[in-house]
Amino acid sequence: MNLLSGQFGIKLHHGWITRQTLGSLCALGIVAPLLAGAQAHAQNVNQQVEWADNFDIATDNIKEVKSSAPTLSPETADYIAVAIDRYQRIVQAGGWGTVTPGGKSIRIGAKDPRVIELRRRLIVSGDLEQQAGLSNTFDSYVDTALRRFQLRHGLIPDGVMGEGTVSALNIPADVRLRQLETNMIRMRSMSGFLGDRYVMVNIPAAEIEAVENGRVRSRHTAVVGKIDRQTPILNSKIYELNFNPYWTVPVSIIRKDLIPKMKQDDQYLAKNNIRIFDWSGNEMTWQQIDWNTEEATQYRFTQDPGSDNSLGSVRINFHNKHQVYLHDTPSKTLFGEDYRFHSSGCVRVQNVRELVTWLLQSTTPDWDRTRVDSVIRTGEREDVKLKGQIPLYLTYVTAWANADGVVHFREDIYDRDDLYGTGTQARL
């Protein structure tokens, strides 16, 4: 930091990140990695690096990645069509090169022959400007370009070229082209009016959008279903909120999780505040059940409200036959991962109180954030029927584009795109 003459900045070798740039980076959530990089440089003064630029990081290249337009915007299919034309030209020109896998992760400040490969790859996809050159130094331009690439692919934008990022970089251009073509069909099928207010869950992106009057009011990181316990694709309506809910364990989880865990530890139910009832409401003990069979699936298992409740502080109910819902979670650390496919089909919502407040304010105006916080703080059960049901779309979109020409890709986690021609027809 430079505190002389009231200046504030972070010095990185030959240059300064100014207060204005720092503010932009802070909004993008990438200040901490830069600070860590600066500290690492100070601790390794014996490792001199020849810098090729003055570290005036161009954040506009990153800011355009996020759009206030919804993923299911009526124009999105047109944006994808433009992207298809661009990717066809990339494929016709031979695609993009690959980055050599393996080896240690590299980041800003490094010198490595693979940085030349990385630069070539990022230039072809439009993440790095051609005038940045083909130096083997991982400078701030490469750092910014790589973060942009990571954001476009749903990866943590840490600017580190690690194994996951290299895998995404090395997916061929023709595969990405097929992904765009498949998703344009999906977008065309959902091009009608979706409602003045609606919630969209994009399963492959593990992301939620609350949309109002054609603009995204808020985005939320999500955790969705595992590959073998998929979140269903459907259209429905949100009709009710349960504050400080009980959790009734679905039969599928009793069979796949609860029975095996009780075989390992007969105190598992007690440790997790789960009680057993028959369907007449009579409470039972675990000793009354034969855990070597599926007898447990004939009873109701209920987890009491509390800090360890699997649904967290609130459950968002919508009409469906799959026994799934949106909900809070005590496992907040999962939201910070690249791979967020951990649930048994339900959708866990980061910053769920913000979403809940929006749902209530748009249909039940006597509720506000203060009241939401107050009800959760009491720990007491309360169910709230929405006065107006809100459309919900659980969608499967693995590629899309925005008005700025930024193209997004996500992993085809449920293998619905048939990207590698296995013979399974791509599904909407």
Protein backbone atom coordinates (compact mmCIF):
# COMPACT_ATOMS: atom_id res chain seq x y z
CA MET A 1 0.00 0.00 0.00
CA ASN A 2 1.13 3.53 -0.70
CA LEU A 3 -0.19 5.87 1.96
CA LEU A 4 1.78 8.94 0.80
CA SER A 5 -0.30 11.85 -0.47
CA GLY A 6 -3.49 9.93 0.33
CA GLN A 7 -2.87 7.37 -2.40
CA PHE A 8 -4.04 3.82 -2.05
CA GLY A 9 -3.02 0.85 -4.15
CA ILE A 10 -1.35 -2.53 -4.34
CA LYS A 11 2.13 -2.50 -5.83
CA LEU A 12 3.01 -5.45 -8.03
CA HIS A 13 6.65 -5.14 -9.11
CA HIS A 14 6.68 -2.43 -11.83
CA GLY A 15 3.13 -1.14 -11.49
CA TRP A 16 0.20 -0.22 -9.26
CA ILE A 17 -3.40 -1.38 -9.15
CA THR A 18 -5.25 1.85 -8.48
CA ARG A 19 -8.19 2.52 -6.17
CA GLN A 20 -10.55 2.55 -9.15
CA THR A 21 -9.26 -0.76 -10.53
CA LEU A 22 -9.27 -2.27 -7.04
CA GLY A 23 -12.95 -1.36 -6.69
CA SER A 24 -13.78 -3.12 -9.94
CA LEU A 25 -11.79 -6.19 -8.95
CA CYS A 26 -13.46 -6.25 -5.54
CA ALA A 27 -16.88 -6.32 -7.19
CA LEU A 28 -15.71 -9.34 -9.20
CA GLY A 29 -14.47 -11.14 -6.12
CA ILE A 30 -10.86 -11.42 -7.28
CA VAL A 31 -9.07 -9.03 -4.96
CA ALA A 32 -8.16 -11.75 -2.47
CA PRO A 33 -6.23 -13.84 -5.03
CA LEU A 34 -4.37 -10.73 -6.16
CA LEU A 35 -3.47 -9.84 -2.58
CA ALA A 36 -2.28 -13.39 -2.07
CA GLY A 37 -0.20 -13.09 -5.22
CA ALA A 38 1.34 -9.85 -4.01
CA GLN A 39 2.20 -11.40 -0.66
CA ALA A 40 3.71 -14.44 -2.36
CA HIS A 41 5.88 -12.13 -4.46
CA ALA A 42 7.10 -10.30 -1.36
CA GLN A 43 7.98 -13.61 0.25
CA ASN A 44 9.93 -14.77 -2.79
CA VAL A 45 12.09 -11.76 -3.58
CA ASN A 46 14.93 -14.07 -4.59
CA GLN A 47 12.87 -15.35 -7.52
CA GLN A 48 13.18 -12.40 -9.91
CA VAL A 49 10.67 -12.21 -12.75
CA GLU A 50 10.95 -10.16 -15.91
CA TRP A 51 7.53 -8.52 -16.31
CA ALA A 52 6.34 -7.66 -19.81
CA ASP A 53 3.67 -5.11 -18.82
CA ASN A 54 2.80 -2.54 -16.16
CA PHE A 55 -0.11 -4.47 -14.56
CA ASP A 56 -2.86 -2.09 -15.57
CA ILE A 57 -5.42 -4.89 -15.55
CA ALA A 58 -8.27 -4.36 -18.02
CA THR A 59 -11.34 -5.44 -16.05
CA ASP A 60 -13.85 -4.63 -18.80
CA ASN A 61 -12.89 -7.95 -20.37
CA ILE A 62 -14.21 -9.70 -17.25
CA LYS A 63 -17.18 -7.49 -16.39
CA GLU A 64 -18.94 -8.19 -19.68
CA VAL A 65 -19.16 -11.90 -18.79
CA LYS A 66 -22.08 -11.29 -16.43
CA SER A 67 -25.25 -9.94 -17.98
CA SER A 68 -28.40 -8.57 -16.36
CA ALA A 69 -30.40 -10.29 -19.10
CA PRO A 70 -31.85 -13.67 -18.11
CA THR A 71 -30.48 -16.88 -19.58
CA LEU A 72 -33.95 -17.62 -20.94
CA SER A 73 -34.20 -14.21 -22.60
CA PRO A 74 -36.19 -14.26 -25.88
CA GLU A 75 -33.03 -12.96 -27.59
CA THR A 76 -30.70 -15.65 -26.25
CA ALA A 77 -31.34 -18.02 -29.16
CA ASP A 78 -30.35 -15.22 -31.56
CA TYR A 79 -27.16 -14.61 -29.58
CA ILE A 80 -26.40 -18.34 -29.76
CA ALA A 81 -26.92 -18.24 -33.54
CA VAL A 82 -24.25 -15.52 -33.78
CA ALA A 83 -21.95 -17.62 -31.59
CA ILE A 84 -22.55 -20.66 -33.81
CA ASP A 85 -21.41 -18.68 -36.86
CA ARG A 86 -18.26 -17.62 -35.01
CA TYR A 87 -17.47 -21.14 -33.79
CA GLN A 88 -18.05 -22.58 -37.25
CA ARG A 89 -15.30 -20.27 -38.50
CA ILE A 90 -13.02 -21.36 -35.65
CA VAL A 91 -13.61 -25.03 -36.51
CA GLN A 92 -13.05 -24.40 -40.24
CA ALA A 93 -9.74 -22.70 -39.39
CA GLY A 94 -8.56 -25.79 -37.52
CA GLY A 95 -9.96 -25.15 -34.06
CA TRP A 96 -7.74 -24.16 -31.18
CA GLY A 97 -4.62 -25.80 -29.88
CA THR A 98 -4.42 -27.66 -26.60
CA VAL A 99 -2.54 -26.92 -23.42
CA THR A 100 -0.22 -29.70 -22.27
CA PRO A 101 -1.89 -31.40 -19.29
CA GLY A 102 -0.06 -32.46 -16.17
CA GLY A 103 2.65 -30.61 -14.34
CA LYS A 104 2.23 -28.11 -11.56
CA SER A 105 -0.45 -25.42 -11.54
CA ILE A 106 0.77 -22.07 -12.80
CA ARG A 107 -0.42 -18.55 -12.07
CA ILE A 108 0.53 -14.91 -12.40
CA GLY A 109 4.27 -14.35 -12.09
CA ALA A 110 5.31 -17.73 -13.52
CA LYS A 111 7.48 -18.43 -16.53
CA ASP A 112 6.58 -21.66 -18.26
CA PRO A 113 6.58 -22.95 -21.88
CA ARG A 114 2.92 -23.88 -21.40
CA VAL A 115 2.03 -20.19 -21.05
CA ILE A 116 2.67 -19.85 -24.81
CA GLU A 117 0.15 -22.65 -25.43
CA LEU A 118 -2.28 -20.97 -23.04
CA ARG A 119 -1.92 -17.63 -24.82
CA ARG A 120 -2.61 -19.22 -28.22
CA ARG A 121 -5.68 -21.00 -26.84
CA LEU A 122 -7.12 -17.87 -25.19
CA ILE A 123 -6.50 -15.72 -28.26
CA VAL A 124 -8.49 -18.06 -30.52
CA SER A 125 -11.48 -18.12 -28.15
CA GLY A 126 -11.41 -14.33 -27.80
CA ASP A 127 -10.48 -14.22 -24.12
CA LEU A 128 -7.03 -12.69 -24.80
CA GLU A 129 -6.31 -9.99 -27.36
CA GLN A 130 -3.85 -10.96 -30.08
CA GLN A 131 -1.56 -8.02 -29.37
CA ALA A 132 -0.81 -9.58 -25.96
CA GLY A 133 1.75 -11.68 -27.83
CA LEU A 134 3.17 -15.14 -27.16
CA SER A 135 5.56 -14.57 -24.28
CA ASN A 136 6.13 -17.47 -21.88
CA THR A 137 5.49 -15.11 -18.93
CA PHE A 138 2.16 -15.44 -17.10
CA ASP A 139 1.48 -11.69 -16.85
CA SER A 140 -1.59 -9.71 -15.83
CA TYR A 141 -3.09 -9.90 -19.32
CA VAL A 142 -2.99 -13.69 -19.24
CA ASP A 143 -4.31 -13.64 -15.68
CA THR A 144 -7.31 -11.51 -16.65
CA ALA A 145 -7.97 -13.57 -19.78
CA LEU A 146 -7.84 -16.84 -17.86
CA ARG A 147 -10.24 -15.52 -15.21
CA ARG A 148 -12.60 -14.52 -17.99
CA PHE A 149 -12.39 -18.02 -19.46
CA GLN A 150 -13.02 -19.56 -16.05
CA LEU A 151 -16.10 -17.38 -15.48
CA ARG A 152 -17.48 -18.35 -18.89
CA HIS A 153 -17.10 -22.03 -18.04
CA GLY A 154 -18.48 -21.94 -14.50
CA LEU A 155 -15.09 -22.42 -12.85
CA ILE A 156 -13.80 -20.56 -9.80
CA PRO A 157 -12.11 -17.46 -11.35
CA ASP A 158 -8.86 -17.78 -9.41
CA GLY A 159 -6.53 -17.20 -12.37
CA VAL A 160 -4.78 -20.51 -11.73
CA MET A 161 -4.14 -22.89 -14.60
CA GLY A 162 -4.83 -26.10 -12.75
CA GLU A 163 -6.11 -29.52 -13.80
CA GLY A 164 -9.80 -28.58 -14.03
CA THR A 165 -9.12 -25.44 -16.05
CA VAL A 166 -6.78 -27.31 -18.43
CA SER A 167 -9.49 -29.93 -19.01
CA ALA A 168 -11.97 -27.21 -19.96
CA LEU A 169 -9.40 -25.50 -22.20
CA ASN A 170 -8.75 -28.75 -24.06
CA ILE A 171 -12.35 -29.53 -25.06
CA PRO A 172 -12.23 -29.26 -28.88
CA ALA A 173 -13.91 -26.40 -30.73
CA ASP A 174 -16.12 -28.76 -32.75
CA VAL A 175 -17.52 -30.23 -29.52
CA ARG A 176 -18.31 -26.72 -28.29
CA LEU A 177 -19.98 -25.99 -31.63
CA ARG A 178 -22.26 -29.02 -31.27
CA GLN A 179 -23.07 -27.89 -27.75
CA LEU A 180 -24.20 -24.49 -29.05
CA GLU A 181 -26.33 -26.10 -31.77
CA THR A 182 -28.05 -28.39 -29.26
CA ASN A 183 -28.80 -25.56 -26.87
CA MET A 184 -30.16 -23.25 -29.54
CA ILE A 185 -32.90 -25.84 -30.08
CA ARG A 186 -33.57 -25.87 -26.34
CA MET A 187 -33.75 -22.08 -26.25
CA ARG A 188 -36.14 -21.93 -29.20
CA SER A 189 -38.44 -24.33 -27.37
CA MET A 190 -38.61 -21.93 -24.38
CA SER A 191 -38.91 -18.68 -26.32
CA GLY A 192 -42.48 -17.93 -25.20
CA PHE A 193 -43.62 -15.65 -22.38
CA LEU A 194 -42.39 -17.07 -19.07
CA GLY A 195 -44.04 -14.55 -16.75
CA ASP A 196 -43.38 -11.07 -15.38
CA ARG A 197 -41.67 -12.73 -12.42
CA TYR A 198 -40.19 -16.19 -12.40
CA VAL A 199 -37.38 -18.34 -10.99
CA MET A 200 -35.08 -20.31 -13.29
CA VAL A 201 -32.73 -23.05 -12.14
CA ASN A 202 -30.08 -23.96 -14.71
CA ILE A 203 -29.03 -27.43 -13.59
CA PRO A 204 -25.68 -27.81 -15.45
CA ALA A 205 -24.66 -24.31 -14.32
CA ALA A 206 -25.86 -24.99 -10.76
CA GLU A 207 -27.23 -21.46 -10.77
CA ILE A 208 -30.55 -19.79 -10.03
CA GLU A 209 -31.96 -16.58 -11.52
CA ALA A 210 -34.81 -14.56 -10.01
CA VAL A 211 -36.22 -12.64 -12.97
CA GLU A 212 -38.49 -9.61 -12.83
CA ASN A 213 -39.78 -7.65 -15.85
CA GLY A 214 -37.20 -9.18 -18.17
CA ARG A 215 -34.14 -8.50 -15.99
CA VAL A 216 -32.28 -10.66 -13.49
CA ARG A 217 -33.12 -9.36 -10.04
CA SER A 218 -30.64 -11.71 -8.32
CA ARG A 219 -28.46 -14.72 -9.13
CA HIS A 220 -27.80 -17.50 -6.66
CA THR A 221 -25.23 -20.27 -6.66
CA ALA A 222 -26.92 -23.64 -6.27
CA VAL A 223 -26.13 -27.26 -5.44
CA VAL A 224 -28.14 -29.70 -7.56
CA GLY A 225 -28.61 -33.44 -7.97
CA LYS A 226 -25.87 -36.02 -8.32
CA ILE A 227 -25.50 -37.89 -11.58
CA ASP A 228 -27.34 -40.89 -10.11
CA ARG A 229 -29.95 -38.73 -8.33
CA GLN A 230 -30.73 -36.10 -10.92
CA THR A 231 -32.65 -32.91 -10.38
CA PRO A 232 -35.72 -33.25 -12.65
CA ILE A 233 -36.29 -30.96 -15.62
CA LEU A 234 -39.76 -29.45 -15.31
CA ASN A 235 -41.97 -26.37 -15.25
CA SER A 236 -43.94 -25.67 -12.09
CA LYS A 237 -45.07 -22.94 -9.69
CA ILE A 238 -43.80 -21.97 -6.25
CA TYR A 239 -46.72 -21.85 -3.83
CA GLU A 240 -45.43 -22.08 -0.24
CA LEU A 241 -42.50 -21.39 2.10
CA ASN A 242 -41.71 -23.38 5.25
CA PHE A 243 -39.60 -21.51 7.80
CA ASN A 244 -37.55 -23.60 10.24
CA PRO A 245 -38.92 -26.77 8.64
CA TYR A 246 -39.00 -30.36 9.65
CA TRP A 247 -37.42 -32.65 7.07
CA THR A 248 -39.24 -35.82 6.16
CA VAL A 249 -36.65 -38.15 4.67
CA PRO A 250 -37.66 -39.38 1.18
CA VAL A 251 -37.85 -43.15 0.65
CA SER A 252 -34.98 -43.02 -1.85
CA ILE A 253 -32.68 -41.48 0.77
CA ILE A 254 -33.86 -43.92 3.44
CA ARG A 255 -32.88 -46.76 1.13
CA LYS A 256 -29.60 -45.35 -0.28
CA ASP A 257 -28.25 -43.42 2.70
CA LEU A 258 -30.04 -43.86 5.99
CA ILE A 259 -30.10 -47.67 6.15
CA PRO A 260 -26.39 -48.07 5.26
CA LYS A 261 -25.42 -45.40 7.82
CA MET A 262 -27.48 -47.06 10.55
CA LYS A 263 -25.67 -50.32 9.83
CA GLN A 264 -22.38 -48.52 10.46
CA ASP A 265 -23.51 -46.50 13.49
CA ASP A 266 -26.72 -47.26 15.36
CA GLN A 267 -26.57 -43.75 16.92
CA TYR A 268 -26.75 -42.02 13.53
CA LEU A 269 -30.42 -41.05 13.94
CA ALA A 270 -29.91 -39.65 17.44
CA LYS A 271 -26.83 -37.67 16.40
CA ASN A 272 -28.81 -36.05 13.59
CA ASN A 273 -32.06 -35.42 15.54
CA ILE A 274 -34.05 -37.78 13.32
CA ARG A 275 -37.10 -39.49 14.80
CA ILE A 276 -39.08 -42.49 13.52
CA PHE A 277 -42.89 -42.63 13.24
CA ASP A 278 -45.33 -45.13 11.88
CA TRP A 279 -48.01 -43.80 9.56
CA SER A 280 -50.44 -43.47 12.46
CA GLY A 281 -48.13 -40.94 14.10
CA ASN A 282 -46.74 -43.25 16.80
CA GLU A 283 -43.06 -42.68 17.58
CA MET A 284 -40.80 -45.72 17.42
CA THR A 285 -37.26 -46.63 18.45
CA TRP A 286 -34.51 -47.72 16.10
CA GLN A 287 -34.36 -51.10 17.84
CA GLN A 288 -37.85 -51.93 16.53
CA ILE A 289 -36.59 -52.02 12.92
CA ASP A 290 -34.62 -54.74 11.13
CA TRP A 291 -31.86 -52.70 9.46
CA ASN A 292 -30.65 -55.68 7.43
CA THR A 293 -33.77 -55.42 5.29
CA GLU A 294 -35.68 -52.54 3.68
CA GLU A 295 -38.23 -52.53 6.51
CA ALA A 296 -37.22 -48.93 7.36
CA THR A 297 -38.74 -47.70 4.08
CA GLN A 298 -42.18 -48.50 5.55
CA TYR A 299 -41.85 -45.76 8.20
CA ARG A 300 -41.59 -41.99 8.34
CA PHE A 301 -38.26 -40.44 9.38
CA THR A 302 -38.42 -36.80 10.44
CA GLN A 303 -35.52 -34.48 11.28
CA ASP A 304 -36.35 -31.76 13.79
CA PRO A 305 -35.76 -28.07 12.95
CA GLY A 306 -32.40 -26.68 13.99
CA SER A 307 -28.96 -25.65 12.82
CA ASP A 308 -28.19 -29.19 11.59
CA ASN A 309 -31.45 -29.68 9.72
CA SER A 310 -30.73 -30.76 6.15
CA LEU A 311 -33.13 -28.11 4.81
CA GLY A 312 -31.50 -25.30 6.76
CA SER A 313 -33.75 -22.40 7.73
CA VAL A 314 -36.32 -22.48 4.91
CA ARG A 315 -37.87 -24.73 2.29
CA ILE A 316 -39.42 -23.45 -0.95
CA ASN A 317 -42.21 -25.71 -2.18
CA PHE A 318 -43.38 -26.10 -5.76
CA HIS A 319 -45.79 -28.53 -7.38
CA ASN A 320 -44.06 -31.72 -8.58
CA LYS A 321 -44.27 -35.51 -8.32
CA HIS A 322 -40.59 -36.05 -7.53
CA GLN A 323 -40.59 -34.96 -3.86
CA VAL A 324 -38.02 -32.23 -4.57
CA TYR A 325 -37.90 -28.57 -3.56
CA LEU A 326 -35.56 -25.59 -3.21
CA HIS A 327 -34.06 -25.09 0.23
CA ASP A 328 -31.37 -23.65 2.47
CA THR A 329 -28.56 -25.89 3.73
CA PRO A 330 -26.19 -26.08 6.70
CA SER A 331 -23.43 -27.18 4.28
CA LYS A 332 -22.54 -23.71 2.99
CA THR A 333 -18.99 -24.64 1.92
CA LEU A 334 -20.31 -26.58 -1.09
CA PHE A 335 -21.30 -23.29 -2.76
CA GLY A 336 -17.61 -22.42 -3.11
CA GLU A 337 -16.80 -25.45 -5.27
CA ASP A 338 -16.56 -25.72 -9.06
CA TYR A 339 -18.41 -29.05 -8.93
CA ARG A 340 -21.77 -28.58 -7.22
CA PHE A 341 -23.64 -31.80 -7.97
CA HIS A 342 -24.07 -33.27 -4.51
CA SER A 343 -27.78 -33.38 -3.66
CA SER A 344 -30.35 -36.16 -3.98
CA GLY A 345 -32.39 -34.13 -6.47
CA CYS A 346 -33.41 -31.07 -4.46
CA VAL A 347 -31.83 -27.67 -5.12
CA ARG A 348 -29.85 -25.95 -2.36
CA VAL A 349 -29.81 -22.15 -2.61
CA GLN A 350 -27.03 -19.78 -1.58
CA ASN A 351 -28.24 -16.49 -0.05
CA VAL A 352 -31.66 -18.10 0.25
CA ARG A 353 -33.01 -15.27 2.40
CA GLU A 354 -32.59 -12.83 -0.46
CA LEU A 355 -34.56 -15.11 -2.77
CA VAL A 356 -37.24 -15.76 -0.14
CA THR A 357 -37.68 -12.03 0.53
CA TRP A 358 -38.11 -11.40 -3.21
CA LEU A 359 -40.67 -14.20 -3.50
CA LEU A 360 -42.66 -12.81 -0.59
CA GLN A 361 -42.46 -9.15 -1.57
CA SER A 362 -43.69 -9.86 -5.08
CA THR A 363 -46.79 -11.70 -3.86
CA THR A 364 -47.22 -11.08 -0.13
CA PRO A 365 -46.19 -7.44 0.52
CA ASP A 366 -46.55 -7.51 4.32
CA TRP A 367 -43.32 -9.52 4.39
CA ASP A 368 -39.88 -7.89 4.19
CA ARG A 369 -36.29 -8.93 4.92
CA THR A 370 -36.55 -7.86 8.56
CA ARG A 371 -39.54 -10.12 9.11
CA VAL A 372 -37.86 -13.01 7.28
CA ASP A 373 -34.76 -12.69 9.48
CA SER A 374 -36.92 -12.43 12.60
CA VAL A 375 -38.92 -15.60 11.89
CA ILE A 376 -35.76 -17.58 11.15
CA ARG A 377 -34.11 -16.27 14.30
CA THR A 378 -36.97 -17.52 16.52
CA GLY A 379 -36.41 -21.08 15.29
CA GLU A 380 -40.17 -21.65 15.36
CA ARG A 381 -42.07 -23.39 12.57
CA GLU A 382 -44.08 -21.13 10.27
CA ASP A 383 -45.65 -21.91 6.90
CA VAL A 384 -46.48 -19.10 4.48
CA LYS A 385 -48.71 -19.60 1.44
CA LEU A 386 -47.84 -17.20 -1.37
CA LYS A 387 -50.83 -15.10 -2.38
CA GLY A 388 -49.73 -15.42 -5.99
CA GLN A 389 -47.88 -18.47 -7.25
CA ILE A 390 -44.58 -17.79 -9.06
CA PRO A 391 -43.49 -19.77 -12.14
CA LEU A 392 -40.44 -21.99 -11.69
CA TYR A 393 -38.39 -23.52 -14.51
CA LEU A 394 -35.88 -26.28 -13.82
CA THR A 395 -33.92 -26.21 -17.07
CA TYR A 396 -30.92 -27.89 -18.69
CA VAL A 397 -28.80 -25.35 -20.57
CA THR A 398 -25.13 -26.18 -21.18
CA ALA A 399 -24.29 -23.37 -23.63
CA TRP A 400 -25.62 -19.87 -24.18
CA ALA A 401 -24.49 -16.38 -25.20
CA ASN A 402 -25.29 -12.83 -24.15
CA ALA A 403 -25.68 -9.49 -25.93
CA ASP A 404 -21.96 -8.71 -25.53
CA GLY A 405 -21.07 -11.81 -27.54
CA VAL A 406 -19.80 -13.67 -24.48
CA VAL A 407 -20.34 -17.42 -24.87
CA HIS A 408 -20.89 -19.60 -21.80
CA PHE A 409 -20.38 -23.35 -21.50
CA ARG A 410 -21.11 -25.79 -18.71
CA GLU A 411 -20.34 -29.48 -18.28
CA ASP A 412 -22.98 -31.81 -19.70
CA ILE A 413 -23.26 -33.35 -16.26
CA TYR A 414 -26.28 -35.59 -17.01
CA ASP A 415 -25.03 -36.56 -20.50
CA ARG A 416 -28.04 -35.12 -22.31
CA ASP A 417 -26.13 -33.41 -25.16
CA ASP A 418 -24.54 -36.49 -26.82
CA LEU A 419 -21.48 -34.32 -27.48
CA TYR A 420 -19.21 -37.18 -28.48
CA GLY A 421 -21.65 -39.06 -30.69
CA THR A 422 -22.31 -42.05 -28.45
CA GLY A 423 -25.61 -42.68 -30.20
CA THR A 424 -27.82 -41.35 -27.40
CA GLN A 425 -29.97 -38.62 -28.89
CA ALA A 426 -29.59 -35.21 -27.30
CA ARG A 427 -32.62 -34.39 -25.16
CA LEU A 428 -34.34 -31.10 -24.41
